[in-house]
Amino acid sequence: LAIANLLIGKLDGMPSKSYLVAYKELESTNYETIYQFINPLLTIFPGIKQKVLLFISDAGIYMIKAKIKNNKK
């Protein structure tokens, strides 16, 4: 069992607020479950998919695969 959090904030070198958009308990953590968690949430904010610059995770391999899958759609 793992917890996924989606936080959105501004990265410009200055202190700023971040916002918890969603959290979810995941039975497993792999690129598919991360993609299924993040992708629908990004549609809440029009145009934000093209502005996502950074994913922070404790395990880079499946996050890289999730990012590649996101770019293909």
Protein backbone atom coordinates (compact mmCIF):
# COMPACT_ATOMS: atom_id res chain seq x y z
CA LEU A 1 0.00 0.00 0.00
CA ALA A 2 1.30 3.45 -0.92
CA ILE A 3 0.00 7.00 -0.84
CA ALA A 4 0.20 9.23 -3.92
CA ASN A 5 -0.08 13.00 -3.54
CA LEU A 6 -0.46 15.57 -6.30
CA LEU A 7 0.85 18.97 -5.26
CA ILE A 8 0.88 21.94 -7.59
CA GLY A 9 2.99 25.01 -7.05
CA LYS A 10 5.14 27.60 -8.75
CA LEU A 11 8.89 27.10 -9.13
CA ASP A 12 10.57 30.44 -9.71
CA GLY A 13 13.28 30.53 -7.08
CA MET A 14 11.12 32.41 -4.60
CA PRO A 15 9.18 30.92 -1.68
CA SER A 16 5.61 30.20 -2.70
CA LYS A 17 2.63 28.13 -1.66
CA SER A 18 1.97 24.66 -2.98
CA TYR A 19 -1.48 23.15 -3.09
CA LEU A 20 -2.52 19.58 -2.42
CA VAL A 21 -4.84 18.81 -5.33
CA ALA A 22 -5.44 15.14 -4.56
CA TYR A 23 -4.23 12.11 -2.69
CA LYS A 24 -5.00 8.44 -3.14
CA GLU A 25 -4.11 5.09 -1.63
CA LEU A 26 -2.56 2.85 -4.27
CA GLU A 27 -2.39 -0.93 -4.06
CA SER A 28 0.82 -0.89 -6.10
CA THR A 29 3.19 1.75 -7.38
CA ASN A 30 4.25 1.48 -10.97
CA TYR A 31 4.13 3.77 -13.97
CA GLU A 32 0.58 2.73 -14.87
CA THR A 33 -0.94 3.46 -11.45
CA ILE A 34 0.93 6.77 -11.20
CA TYR A 35 -0.20 7.75 -14.70
CA GLN A 36 -3.81 6.78 -13.93
CA PHE A 37 -3.66 8.93 -10.80
CA ILE A 38 -2.03 12.05 -12.28
CA ASN A 39 -3.36 12.28 -15.84
CA PRO A 40 -7.09 12.80 -15.10
CA LEU A 41 -6.24 15.38 -12.44
CA LEU A 42 -4.24 17.47 -14.90
CA THR A 43 -7.35 17.91 -17.05
CA ILE A 44 -8.93 19.91 -14.22
CA PHE A 45 -6.60 22.78 -15.09
CA PRO A 46 -6.79 23.68 -18.81
CA GLY A 47 -3.37 24.03 -20.42
CA ILE A 48 -1.42 22.81 -17.40
CA LYS A 49 -0.27 19.54 -19.03
CA GLN A 50 2.08 21.52 -21.27
CA LYS A 51 3.43 23.45 -18.27
CA VAL A 52 4.36 20.51 -16.03
CA LEU A 53 8.11 20.73 -15.61
CA LEU A 54 8.87 18.51 -12.66
CA PHE A 55 7.72 15.28 -11.10
CA ILE A 56 9.14 14.50 -7.68
CA SER A 57 9.08 10.92 -6.53
CA ASP A 58 10.89 8.45 -4.34
CA ALA A 59 11.36 6.07 -7.32
CA GLY A 60 12.44 7.57 -10.62
CA ILE A 61 12.15 4.55 -12.93
CA TYR A 62 8.35 4.26 -12.95
CA MET A 63 7.94 8.04 -12.90
CA ILE A 64 10.03 8.33 -16.08
CA LYS A 65 7.80 5.72 -17.74
CA ALA A 66 4.69 7.60 -16.56
CA LYS A 67 6.03 10.85 -18.02
CA ILE A 68 6.84 9.17 -21.35
CA LYS A 69 3.34 7.70 -21.49
CA ASN A 70 1.83 11.11 -20.67
CA ASN A 71 3.77 12.76 -23.52
CA LYS A 72 2.49 10.20 -26.04
CA LYS A 73 -1.17 11.04 -25.41
